[in-house]
Amino acid sequence: MLIMNKESLKKEIVHKIKQQMLRENKAYYCPRKPDYSLEIAKTQHDKITKKIIEHCKQNKFEKILDIGCGFGDLVFSLAKYGKQVYGIDVNEEFIKICDLKKDFLKQKNIEFINAPAEKIPFKNNNFDLVVSKTVLEHVEDVEKSISEMVRVTRKNGLIYIECPNYIWIKEGHFNVFMLPLMPKWLFRIWLRLLGKNPDFLSHIKYVTPSRIINSLKKRNVVCRNISEELISEILDGKSEAIKHTHKRIYDIIKTTRLLGLNKALLFLSKSFQAYPVTIIMGKK
């Protein structure tokens, strides 16, 4: 009977997640049928978390906070690296799903709270590691959200921010090409011409590496631009990190190396901050 109850709970969790994913797909005018598996999600987020921890250059933390935790997958993967891990999200339905998953997985060092990034419900200097992955472009107030991340981070604590770079020439949510920092009125016309619903564009904030770094630095946070570190490794042939995820870009880079143009491409990439993803590590 207990096994049946657990299986029923698992099915309920997956069903609720697919419902939320379907709503999101409609918002992006995406025809894909939502697909979700607890096992696949765990494998994917364990890999993502491993990369984050590698960038941190330490693997033990007292308290970790995940901003905009969504369905909680990253929080569960982070749980092995922190004594206590918290996830917050502005979407109340997401938090209900996270609590169901917590019951299903019997994870005790995790807590989920319904709260926005602009008003984190914790005291100052509280966390060793604060993570914001693909969230900052969705918040109401980017500056206030970054300010709150810094506030709740302890001295010498780390802040990991990963989000799209809107200087890049592709918008990932709608999966379309765009001009760097393309005016939204023009982008809406472009989306309609492509047969996509532009309504969700109003929820997206154009975040860039310089905007994030400047916001952190003015709060006395020391920053590492991990995106530029990764670009240097890729252009020097020391990493194949994008070989499968961005195959066309990888093939172009491979060609530039053969032509001896990799250093010029690196200079241009850094000068114009032209890379698809922003990854910044801050130390308070």
C-alpha atoms as a PDB file:
ATOM      1  CA  MET A   1       0.000   0.000   0.000  1.00  0.00           C
ATOM      2  CA  LEU A   2       2.872   2.376   0.880  1.00  0.00           C
ATOM      3  CA  ILE A   3       4.544   1.637  -2.476  1.00  0.00           C
ATOM      4  CA  MET A   4       1.286   2.405  -4.303  1.00  0.00           C
ATOM      5  CA  ASN A   5       0.920   5.689  -2.372  1.00  0.00           C
ATOM      6  CA  LYS A   6       4.464   6.695  -3.294  1.00  0.00           C
ATOM      7  CA  GLU A   7       3.857   5.842  -6.953  1.00  0.00           C
ATOM      8  CA  SER A   8       0.644   7.869  -6.900  1.00  0.00           C
ATOM      9  CA  LEU A   9       2.503  10.829  -5.405  1.00  0.00           C
ATOM     10  CA  LYS A  10       5.146  10.573  -8.121  1.00  0.00           C
ATOM     11  CA  LYS A  11       2.462  10.587 -10.838  1.00  0.00           C
ATOM     12  CA  GLU A  12       0.769  13.580  -9.231  1.00  0.00           C
ATOM     13  CA  ILE A  13       4.059  15.516  -9.149  1.00  0.00           C
ATOM     14  CA  VAL A  14       4.842  14.786 -12.801  1.00  0.00           C
ATOM     15  CA  HIS A  15       1.285  15.661 -13.848  1.00  0.00           C
ATOM     16  CA  LYS A  16       1.366  19.023 -12.043  1.00  0.00           C
ATOM     17  CA  ILE A  17       4.773  19.879 -13.519  1.00  0.00           C
ATOM     18  CA  LYS A  18       3.584  19.064 -17.043  1.00  0.00           C
ATOM     19  CA  GLN A  19       0.551  21.304 -16.521  1.00  0.00           C
ATOM     20  CA  GLN A  20       2.830  24.209 -15.555  1.00  0.00           C
ATOM     21  CA  MET A  21       5.164  23.490 -18.464  1.00  0.00           C
ATOM     22  CA  LEU A  22       2.204  23.495 -20.866  1.00  0.00           C
ATOM     23  CA  ARG A  23       1.204  26.970 -19.660  1.00  0.00           C
ATOM     24  CA  GLU A  24       4.775  28.177 -20.174  1.00  0.00           C
ATOM     25  CA  ASN A  25       4.941  26.658 -23.673  1.00  0.00           C
ATOM     26  CA  LYS A  26       1.738  28.485 -24.602  1.00  0.00           C
ATOM     27  CA  ALA A  27       3.227  31.729 -23.285  1.00  0.00           C
ATOM     28  CA  TYR A  28       6.166  31.300 -25.679  1.00  0.00           C
ATOM     29  CA  TYR A  29       3.826  30.065 -28.426  1.00  0.00           C
ATOM     30  CA  CYS A  30       5.764  26.835 -28.364  1.00  0.00           C
ATOM     31  CA  PRO A  31       4.065  23.796 -29.981  1.00  0.00           C
ATOM     32  CA  ARG A  32       6.149  21.250 -28.070  1.00  0.00           C
ATOM     33  CA  LYS A  33       4.322  18.784 -25.878  1.00  0.00           C
ATOM     34  CA  PRO A  34       5.680  19.103 -22.314  1.00  0.00           C
ATOM     35  CA  ASP A  35       7.797  16.192 -21.161  1.00  0.00           C
ATOM     36  CA  TYR A  36       9.200  15.658 -17.672  1.00  0.00           C
ATOM     37  CA  SER A  37      10.789  12.826 -15.749  1.00  0.00           C
ATOM     38  CA  LEU A  38      11.996  12.999 -12.157  1.00  0.00           C
ATOM     39  CA  GLU A  39      14.910  10.722 -12.999  1.00  0.00           C
ATOM     40  CA  ILE A  40      16.025  12.667 -16.087  1.00  0.00           C
ATOM     41  CA  ALA A  41      15.610  15.991 -14.275  1.00  0.00           C
ATOM     42  CA  LYS A  42      17.817  14.711 -11.439  1.00  0.00           C
ATOM     43  CA  THR A  43      20.553  13.565 -13.826  1.00  0.00           C
ATOM     44  CA  GLN A  44      20.493  16.876 -15.720  1.00  0.00           C
ATOM     45  CA  HIS A  45      20.560  19.050 -12.617  1.00  0.00           C
ATOM     46  CA  ASP A  46      23.240  16.963 -10.933  1.00  0.00           C
ATOM     47  CA  LYS A  47      25.465  17.787 -13.941  1.00  0.00           C
ATOM     48  CA  ILE A  48      24.509  21.477 -13.798  1.00  0.00           C
ATOM     49  CA  THR A  49      25.183  21.598 -10.063  1.00  0.00           C
ATOM     50  CA  LYS A  50      28.549  19.905 -10.473  1.00  0.00           C
ATOM     51  CA  LYS A  51      29.583  22.692 -12.875  1.00  0.00           C
ATOM     52  CA  ILE A  52      28.388  25.387 -10.466  1.00  0.00           C
ATOM     53  CA  ILE A  53      30.330  23.818  -7.597  1.00  0.00           C
ATOM     54  CA  GLU A  54      33.448  23.563  -9.769  1.00  0.00           C
ATOM     55  CA  HIS A  55      33.199  27.301 -10.460  1.00  0.00           C
ATOM     56  CA  CYS A  56      32.857  27.907  -6.706  1.00  0.00           C
ATOM     57  CA  LYS A  57      36.175  26.098  -6.115  1.00  0.00           C
ATOM     58  CA  GLN A  58      34.783  24.621  -2.881  1.00  0.00           C
ATOM     59  CA  ASN A  59      32.211  21.904  -2.264  1.00  0.00           C
ATOM     60  CA  LYS A  60      31.012  22.353   1.314  1.00  0.00           C
ATOM     61  CA  PHE A  61      28.609  25.065   2.440  1.00  0.00           C
ATOM     62  CA  GLU A  62      26.620  25.706   5.610  1.00  0.00           C
ATOM     63  CA  LYS A  63      23.639  27.379   3.924  1.00  0.00           C
ATOM     64  CA  ILE A  64      22.731  27.675   0.250  1.00  0.00           C
ATOM     65  CA  LEU A  65      19.912  29.709  -1.317  1.00  0.00           C
ATOM     66  CA  ASP A  66      18.472  29.130  -4.814  1.00  0.00           C
ATOM     67  CA  ILE A  67      16.628  32.174  -6.176  1.00  0.00           C
ATOM     68  CA  GLY A  68      13.674  31.338  -8.440  1.00  0.00           C
ATOM     69  CA  CYS A  69      13.842  27.625  -7.715  1.00  0.00           C
ATOM     70  CA  GLY A  70      11.044  26.638 -10.118  1.00  0.00           C
ATOM     71  CA  PHE A  71      10.244  22.935  -9.633  1.00  0.00           C
ATOM     72  CA  GLY A  72      13.108  22.586  -7.129  1.00  0.00           C
ATOM     73  CA  ASP A  73      15.385  20.339  -9.201  1.00  0.00           C
ATOM     74  CA  LEU A  74      18.488  22.465  -8.619  1.00  0.00           C
ATOM     75  CA  VAL A  75      17.759  22.696  -4.887  1.00  0.00           C
ATOM     76  CA  PHE A  76      17.642  18.906  -4.562  1.00  0.00           C
ATOM     77  CA  SER A  77      20.954  18.595  -6.436  1.00  0.00           C
ATOM     78  CA  LEU A  78      22.553  21.312  -4.272  1.00  0.00           C
ATOM     79  CA  ALA A  79      21.439  19.490  -1.103  1.00  0.00           C
ATOM     80  CA  LYS A  80      24.513  17.233  -1.099  1.00  0.00           C
ATOM     81  CA  TYR A  81      26.791  20.283  -0.876  1.00  0.00           C
ATOM     82  CA  GLY A  82      25.029  22.236   1.879  1.00  0.00           C
ATOM     83  CA  LYS A  83      23.939  21.470   5.433  1.00  0.00           C
ATOM     84  CA  GLN A  84      20.780  23.495   4.791  1.00  0.00           C
ATOM     85  CA  VAL A  85      19.446  24.490   1.361  1.00  0.00           C
ATOM     86  CA  TYR A  86      16.575  26.873   0.673  1.00  0.00           C
ATOM     87  CA  GLY A  87      14.647  27.566  -2.519  1.00  0.00           C
ATOM     88  CA  ILE A  88      12.417  30.571  -3.091  1.00  0.00           C
ATOM     89  CA  ASP A  89      10.054  31.271  -5.977  1.00  0.00           C
ATOM     90  CA  VAL A  90       7.408  33.906  -6.639  1.00  0.00           C
ATOM     91  CA  ASN A  91       5.080  31.267  -8.137  1.00  0.00           C
ATOM     92  CA  GLU A  92       3.023  29.701  -5.332  1.00  0.00           C
ATOM     93  CA  GLU A  93       2.077  26.685  -7.471  1.00  0.00           C
ATOM     94  CA  PHE A  94       5.764  25.904  -8.047  1.00  0.00           C
ATOM     95  CA  ILE A  95       6.372  25.915  -4.293  1.00  0.00           C
ATOM     96  CA  LYS A  96       3.472  23.502  -3.739  1.00  0.00           C
ATOM     97  CA  ILE A  97       5.054  21.141  -6.284  1.00  0.00           C
ATOM     98  CA  CYS A  98       8.443  21.503  -4.571  1.00  0.00           C
ATOM     99  CA  ASP A  99       6.899  20.552  -1.226  1.00  0.00           C
ATOM    100  CA  LEU A 100       5.330  17.458  -2.823  1.00  0.00           C
ATOM    101  CA  LYS A 101       8.731  16.484  -4.235  1.00  0.00           C
ATOM    102  CA  LYS A 102      10.313  17.018  -0.826  1.00  0.00           C
ATOM    103  CA  ASP A 103       7.791  14.593   0.702  1.00  0.00           C
ATOM    104  CA  PHE A 104       8.366  12.106  -2.114  1.00  0.00           C
ATOM    105  CA  LEU A 105      12.172  12.222  -1.878  1.00  0.00           C
ATOM    106  CA  LYS A 106      12.264  12.418   1.950  1.00  0.00           C
ATOM    107  CA  GLN A 107      14.851  15.208   1.799  1.00  0.00           C
ATOM    108  CA  LYS A 108      15.255  16.770   5.252  1.00  0.00           C
ATOM    109  CA  ASN A 109      17.827  19.535   4.755  1.00  0.00           C
ATOM    110  CA  ILE A 110      15.664  21.472   2.276  1.00  0.00           C
ATOM    111  CA  GLU A 111      13.018  24.171   2.674  1.00  0.00           C
ATOM    112  CA  PHE A 112      10.920  25.969   0.053  1.00  0.00           C
ATOM    113  CA  ILE A 113       9.400  29.439   0.490  1.00  0.00           C
ATOM    114  CA  ASN A 114       7.036  31.462  -1.672  1.00  0.00           C
ATOM    115  CA  ALA A 115       8.846  34.793  -2.100  1.00  0.00           C
ATOM    116  CA  PRO A 116      10.128  37.125  -4.853  1.00  0.00           C
ATOM    117  CA  ALA A 117      13.790  37.815  -5.591  1.00  0.00           C
ATOM    118  CA  GLU A 118      13.187  41.486  -4.769  1.00  0.00           C
ATOM    119  CA  LYS A 119      12.225  40.664  -1.181  1.00  0.00           C
ATOM    120  CA  ILE A 120      14.182  37.663   0.091  1.00  0.00           C
ATOM    121  CA  PRO A 121      12.719  36.652   3.484  1.00  0.00           C
ATOM    122  CA  PHE A 122      16.029  36.142   5.319  1.00  0.00           C
ATOM    123  CA  LYS A 123      18.223  38.276   7.546  1.00  0.00           C
ATOM    124  CA  ASN A 124      21.447  39.918   6.370  1.00  0.00           C
ATOM    125  CA  ASN A 125      24.663  37.898   5.933  1.00  0.00           C
ATOM    126  CA  ASN A 126      22.901  34.547   6.062  1.00  0.00           C
ATOM    127  CA  PHE A 127      24.176  32.348   3.189  1.00  0.00           C
ATOM    128  CA  ASP A 128      27.552  30.980   2.063  1.00  0.00           C
ATOM    129  CA  LEU A 129      26.275  30.533  -1.495  1.00  0.00           C
ATOM    130  CA  VAL A 130      23.429  32.263  -3.335  1.00  0.00           C
ATOM    131  CA  VAL A 131      22.484  30.883  -6.756  1.00  0.00           C
ATOM    132  CA  SER A 132      20.408  32.548  -9.466  1.00  0.00           C
ATOM    133  CA  LYS A 133      20.212  30.411 -12.598  1.00  0.00           C
ATOM    134  CA  THR A 134      18.166  31.611 -15.601  1.00  0.00           C
ATOM    135  CA  VAL A 135      15.998  33.753 -13.332  1.00  0.00           C
ATOM    136  CA  LEU A 136      17.310  37.325 -13.426  1.00  0.00           C
ATOM    137  CA  GLU A 137      15.787  38.004 -16.859  1.00  0.00           C
ATOM    138  CA  HIS A 138      12.319  37.266 -15.384  1.00  0.00           C
ATOM    139  CA  VAL A 139      12.317  39.333 -12.178  1.00  0.00           C
ATOM    140  CA  GLU A 140      10.334  42.563 -11.800  1.00  0.00           C
ATOM    141  CA  ASP A 141      13.361  44.608 -10.707  1.00  0.00           C
ATOM    142  CA  VAL A 142      16.858  43.433 -11.681  1.00  0.00           C
ATOM    143  CA  GLU A 143      18.723  45.976  -9.540  1.00  0.00           C
ATOM    144  CA  LYS A 144      16.664  45.259  -6.415  1.00  0.00           C
ATOM    145  CA  SER A 145      17.052  41.490  -6.910  1.00  0.00           C
ATOM    146  CA  ILE A 146      20.848  41.749  -7.121  1.00  0.00           C
ATOM    147  CA  SER A 147      20.850  44.038  -4.071  1.00  0.00           C
ATOM    148  CA  GLU A 148      18.884  41.417  -2.115  1.00  0.00           C
ATOM    149  CA  MET A 149      21.265  38.627  -3.191  1.00  0.00           C
ATOM    150  CA  VAL A 150      24.210  40.630  -1.869  1.00  0.00           C
ATOM    151  CA  ARG A 151      22.387  41.521   1.350  1.00  0.00           C
ATOM    152  CA  VAL A 152      21.708  37.911   2.363  1.00  0.00           C
ATOM    153  CA  THR A 153      25.205  36.669   1.428  1.00  0.00           C
ATOM    154  CA  ARG A 154      27.767  36.348   4.221  1.00  0.00           C
ATOM    155  CA  LYS A 155      31.156  38.055   4.108  1.00  0.00           C
ATOM    156  CA  ASN A 156      33.394  35.980   1.798  1.00  0.00           C
ATOM    157  CA  GLY A 157      30.250  34.191   0.600  1.00  0.00           C
ATOM    158  CA  LEU A 158      29.645  33.499  -3.085  1.00  0.00           C
ATOM    159  CA  ILE A 159      26.959  34.693  -5.519  1.00  0.00           C
ATOM    160  CA  TYR A 160      26.490  32.664  -8.707  1.00  0.00           C
ATOM    161  CA  ILE A 161      24.441  34.320 -11.459  1.00  0.00           C
ATOM    162  CA  GLU A 162      23.690  32.670 -14.803  1.00  0.00           C
ATOM    163  CA  CYS A 163      21.296  34.144 -17.350  1.00  0.00           C
ATOM    164  CA  PRO A 164      20.934  34.893 -21.064  1.00  0.00           C
ATOM    165  CA  ASN A 165      23.071  37.654 -22.555  1.00  0.00           C
ATOM    166  CA  TYR A 166      20.901  40.054 -24.521  1.00  0.00           C
ATOM    167  CA  ILE A 167      23.889  41.378 -26.445  1.00  0.00           C
ATOM    168  CA  TRP A 168      23.838  37.988 -28.172  1.00  0.00           C
ATOM    169  CA  ILE A 169      21.990  37.449 -31.456  1.00  0.00           C
ATOM    170  CA  LYS A 170      19.509  34.791 -30.328  1.00  0.00           C
ATOM    171  CA  GLU A 171      16.653  34.875 -27.819  1.00  0.00           C
ATOM    172  CA  GLY A 172      16.404  31.486 -26.128  1.00  0.00           C
ATOM    173  CA  HIS A 173      12.858  31.624 -24.739  1.00  0.00           C
ATOM    174  CA  PHE A 174      11.302  32.174 -28.168  1.00  0.00           C
ATOM    175  CA  ASN A 175      14.192  30.397 -29.924  1.00  0.00           C
ATOM    176  CA  VAL A 176      14.571  33.124 -32.559  1.00  0.00           C
ATOM    177  CA  PHE A 177      17.353  35.362 -33.826  1.00  0.00           C
ATOM    178  CA  MET A 178      17.289  38.969 -32.634  1.00  0.00           C
ATOM    179  CA  LEU A 179      19.404  42.102 -32.843  1.00  0.00           C
ATOM    180  CA  PRO A 180      21.513  42.834 -29.734  1.00  0.00           C
ATOM    181  CA  LEU A 181      19.307  44.673 -27.210  1.00  0.00           C
ATOM    182  CA  MET A 182      16.615  44.841 -29.871  1.00  0.00           C
ATOM    183  CA  PRO A 183      13.932  47.427 -28.945  1.00  0.00           C
ATOM    184  CA  LYS A 184      10.926  45.543 -27.648  1.00  0.00           C
ATOM    185  CA  TRP A 185       8.471  47.287 -29.983  1.00  0.00           C
ATOM    186  CA  LEU A 186      10.545  46.062 -32.916  1.00  0.00           C
ATOM    187  CA  PHE A 187      11.028  42.601 -31.411  1.00  0.00           C
ATOM    188  CA  ARG A 188       7.244  42.267 -31.015  1.00  0.00           C
ATOM    189  CA  ILE A 189       6.776  42.954 -34.720  1.00  0.00           C
ATOM    190  CA  TRP A 190       9.520  40.419 -35.515  1.00  0.00           C
ATOM    191  CA  LEU A 191       7.868  37.754 -33.329  1.00  0.00           C
ATOM    192  CA  ARG A 192       4.469  38.304 -34.967  1.00  0.00           C
ATOM    193  CA  LEU A 193       6.051  37.972 -38.406  1.00  0.00           C
ATOM    194  CA  LEU A 194       7.457  34.633 -37.236  1.00  0.00           C
ATOM    195  CA  GLY A 195       4.007  33.533 -36.063  1.00  0.00           C
ATOM    196  CA  LYS A 196       4.806  33.763 -32.372  1.00  0.00           C
ATOM    197  CA  ASN A 197       2.839  35.384 -29.559  1.00  0.00           C
ATOM    198  CA  PRO A 198       4.899  38.342 -28.247  1.00  0.00           C
ATOM    199  CA  ASP A 199       2.897  38.855 -25.021  1.00  0.00           C
ATOM    200  CA  PHE A 200       5.451  37.120 -22.796  1.00  0.00           C
ATOM    201  CA  LEU A 201       8.128  39.569 -23.953  1.00  0.00           C
ATOM    202  CA  SER A 202       6.848  42.082 -21.400  1.00  0.00           C
ATOM    203  CA  HIS A 203       8.086  39.721 -18.640  1.00  0.00           C
ATOM    204  CA  ILE A 204      11.643  39.585 -19.985  1.00  0.00           C
ATOM    205  CA  LYS A 205      14.356  41.986 -18.825  1.00  0.00           C
ATOM    206  CA  TYR A 206      17.341  42.589 -21.074  1.00  0.00           C
ATOM    207  CA  VAL A 207      20.243  41.602 -18.816  1.00  0.00           C
ATOM    208  CA  THR A 208      23.876  41.877 -19.927  1.00  0.00           C
ATOM    209  CA  PRO A 209      27.252  40.985 -18.368  1.00  0.00           C
ATOM    210  CA  SER A 210      28.223  44.624 -17.769  1.00  0.00           C
ATOM    211  CA  ARG A 211      24.885  45.419 -16.133  1.00  0.00           C
ATOM    212  CA  ILE A 212      25.257  42.552 -13.659  1.00  0.00           C
ATOM    213  CA  ILE A 213      28.953  43.150 -12.948  1.00  0.00           C
ATOM    214  CA  ASN A 214      28.449  46.894 -12.398  1.00  0.00           C
ATOM    215  CA  SER A 215      25.546  46.235 -10.038  1.00  0.00           C
ATOM    216  CA  LEU A 216      27.624  43.774  -7.993  1.00  0.00           C
ATOM    217  CA  LYS A 217      30.766  45.940  -7.961  1.00  0.00           C
ATOM    218  CA  LYS A 218      28.982  48.981  -6.622  1.00  0.00           C
ATOM    219  CA  ARG A 219      28.040  46.786  -3.669  1.00  0.00           C
ATOM    220  CA  ASN A 220      31.693  45.880  -3.132  1.00  0.00           C
ATOM    221  CA  VAL A 221      31.405  42.393  -4.605  1.00  0.00           C
ATOM    222  CA  VAL A 222      34.492  41.069  -6.408  1.00  0.00           C
ATOM    223  CA  CYS A 223      33.478  39.533  -9.754  1.00  0.00           C
ATOM    224  CA  ARG A 224      34.734  36.794 -12.057  1.00  0.00           C
ATOM    225  CA  ASN A 225      33.328  36.685 -15.562  1.00  0.00           C
ATOM    226  CA  ILE A 226      33.187  32.922 -15.989  1.00  0.00           C
ATOM    227  CA  SER A 227      31.670  33.276 -19.469  1.00  0.00           C
ATOM    228  CA  GLU A 228      34.842  34.967 -20.695  1.00  0.00           C
ATOM    229  CA  GLU A 229      37.011  32.348 -18.990  1.00  0.00           C
ATOM    230  CA  LEU A 230      35.069  29.594 -20.787  1.00  0.00           C
ATOM    231  CA  ILE A 231      35.228  31.440 -24.119  1.00  0.00           C
ATOM    232  CA  SER A 232      39.032  31.706 -23.750  1.00  0.00           C
ATOM    233  CA  GLU A 233      39.317  27.963 -23.075  1.00  0.00           C
ATOM    234  CA  ILE A 234      37.061  27.097 -26.028  1.00  0.00           C
ATOM    235  CA  LEU A 235      38.875  29.396 -28.468  1.00  0.00           C
ATOM    236  CA  ASP A 236      42.259  28.066 -27.302  1.00  0.00           C
ATOM    237  CA  GLY A 237      41.052  24.501 -27.887  1.00  0.00           C
ATOM    238  CA  LYS A 238      41.296  23.596 -24.180  1.00  0.00           C
ATOM    239  CA  SER A 239      37.576  22.906 -23.829  1.00  0.00           C
ATOM    240  CA  GLU A 240      34.821  21.324 -25.926  1.00  0.00           C
ATOM    241  CA  ALA A 241      32.055  22.500 -23.615  1.00  0.00           C
ATOM    242  CA  ILE A 242      29.802  23.707 -26.443  1.00  0.00           C
ATOM    243  CA  LYS A 243      30.534  20.948 -28.946  1.00  0.00           C
ATOM    244  CA  HIS A 244      27.107  19.357 -28.506  1.00  0.00           C
ATOM    245  CA  THR A 245      25.035  22.254 -27.130  1.00  0.00           C
ATOM    246  CA  HIS A 246      26.069  24.903 -29.708  1.00  0.00           C
ATOM    247  CA  LYS A 247      27.405  22.817 -32.600  1.00  0.00           C
ATOM    248  CA  ARG A 248      27.310  25.562 -35.240  1.00  0.00           C
ATOM    249  CA  ILE A 249      29.209  27.985 -33.024  1.00  0.00           C
ATOM    250  CA  TYR A 250      31.700  25.231 -32.167  1.00  0.00           C
ATOM    251  CA  ASP A 251      32.298  24.519 -35.880  1.00  0.00           C
ATOM    252  CA  ILE A 252      32.883  28.231 -36.560  1.00  0.00           C
ATOM    253  CA  ILE A 253      35.343  28.439 -33.657  1.00  0.00           C
ATOM    254  CA  LYS A 254      37.146  25.332 -34.873  1.00  0.00           C
ATOM    255  CA  THR A 255      37.534  26.955 -38.303  1.00  0.00           C
ATOM    256  CA  THR A 256      38.872  30.202 -36.783  1.00  0.00           C
ATOM    257  CA  ARG A 257      41.515  28.188 -34.902  1.00  0.00           C
ATOM    258  CA  LEU A 258      42.612  26.512 -38.120  1.00  0.00           C
ATOM    259  CA  LEU A 259      42.883  29.952 -39.760  1.00  0.00           C
ATOM    260  CA  GLY A 260      44.734  31.403 -36.778  1.00  0.00           C
ATOM    261  CA  LEU A 261      41.960  33.894 -36.063  1.00  0.00           C
ATOM    262  CA  ASN A 262      41.006  32.640 -32.597  1.00  0.00           C
ATOM    263  CA  LYS A 263      42.831  35.420 -30.714  1.00  0.00           C
ATOM    264  CA  ALA A 264      41.129  38.091 -32.830  1.00  0.00           C
ATOM    265  CA  LEU A 265      37.746  36.426 -32.203  1.00  0.00           C
ATOM    266  CA  LEU A 266      38.457  36.298 -28.466  1.00  0.00           C
ATOM    267  CA  PHE A 267      39.325  40.018 -28.467  1.00  0.00           C
ATOM    268  CA  LEU A 268      36.075  40.875 -30.276  1.00  0.00           C
ATOM    269  CA  SER A 269      34.026  38.570 -28.052  1.00  0.00           C
ATOM    270  CA  LYS A 270      35.355  40.174 -24.866  1.00  0.00           C
ATOM    271  CA  SER A 271      35.257  43.721 -26.218  1.00  0.00           C
ATOM    272  CA  PHE A 272      31.603  43.494 -27.272  1.00  0.00           C
ATOM    273  CA  GLN A 273      30.586  40.892 -24.644  1.00  0.00           C
ATOM    274  CA  ALA A 274      29.310  38.789 -27.533  1.00  0.00           C
ATOM    275  CA  TYR A 275      28.545  35.361 -26.078  1.00  0.00           C
ATOM    276  CA  PRO A 276      25.207  33.578 -25.535  1.00  0.00           C
ATOM    277  CA  VAL A 277      25.205  33.087 -21.767  1.00  0.00           C
ATOM    278  CA  THR A 278      26.267  35.327 -18.903  1.00  0.00           C
ATOM    279  CA  ILE A 279      27.893  33.505 -15.972  1.00  0.00           C
ATOM    280  CA  ILE A 280      29.187  35.689 -13.165  1.00  0.00           C
ATOM    281  CA  MET A 281      30.673  34.559  -9.858  1.00  0.00           C
ATOM    282  CA  GLY A 282      30.747  37.207  -7.142  1.00  0.00           C
ATOM    283  CA  LYS A 283      32.564  37.127  -3.802  1.00  0.00           C
ATOM    284  CA  LYS A 284      31.300  39.465  -1.085  1.00  0.00           C
END
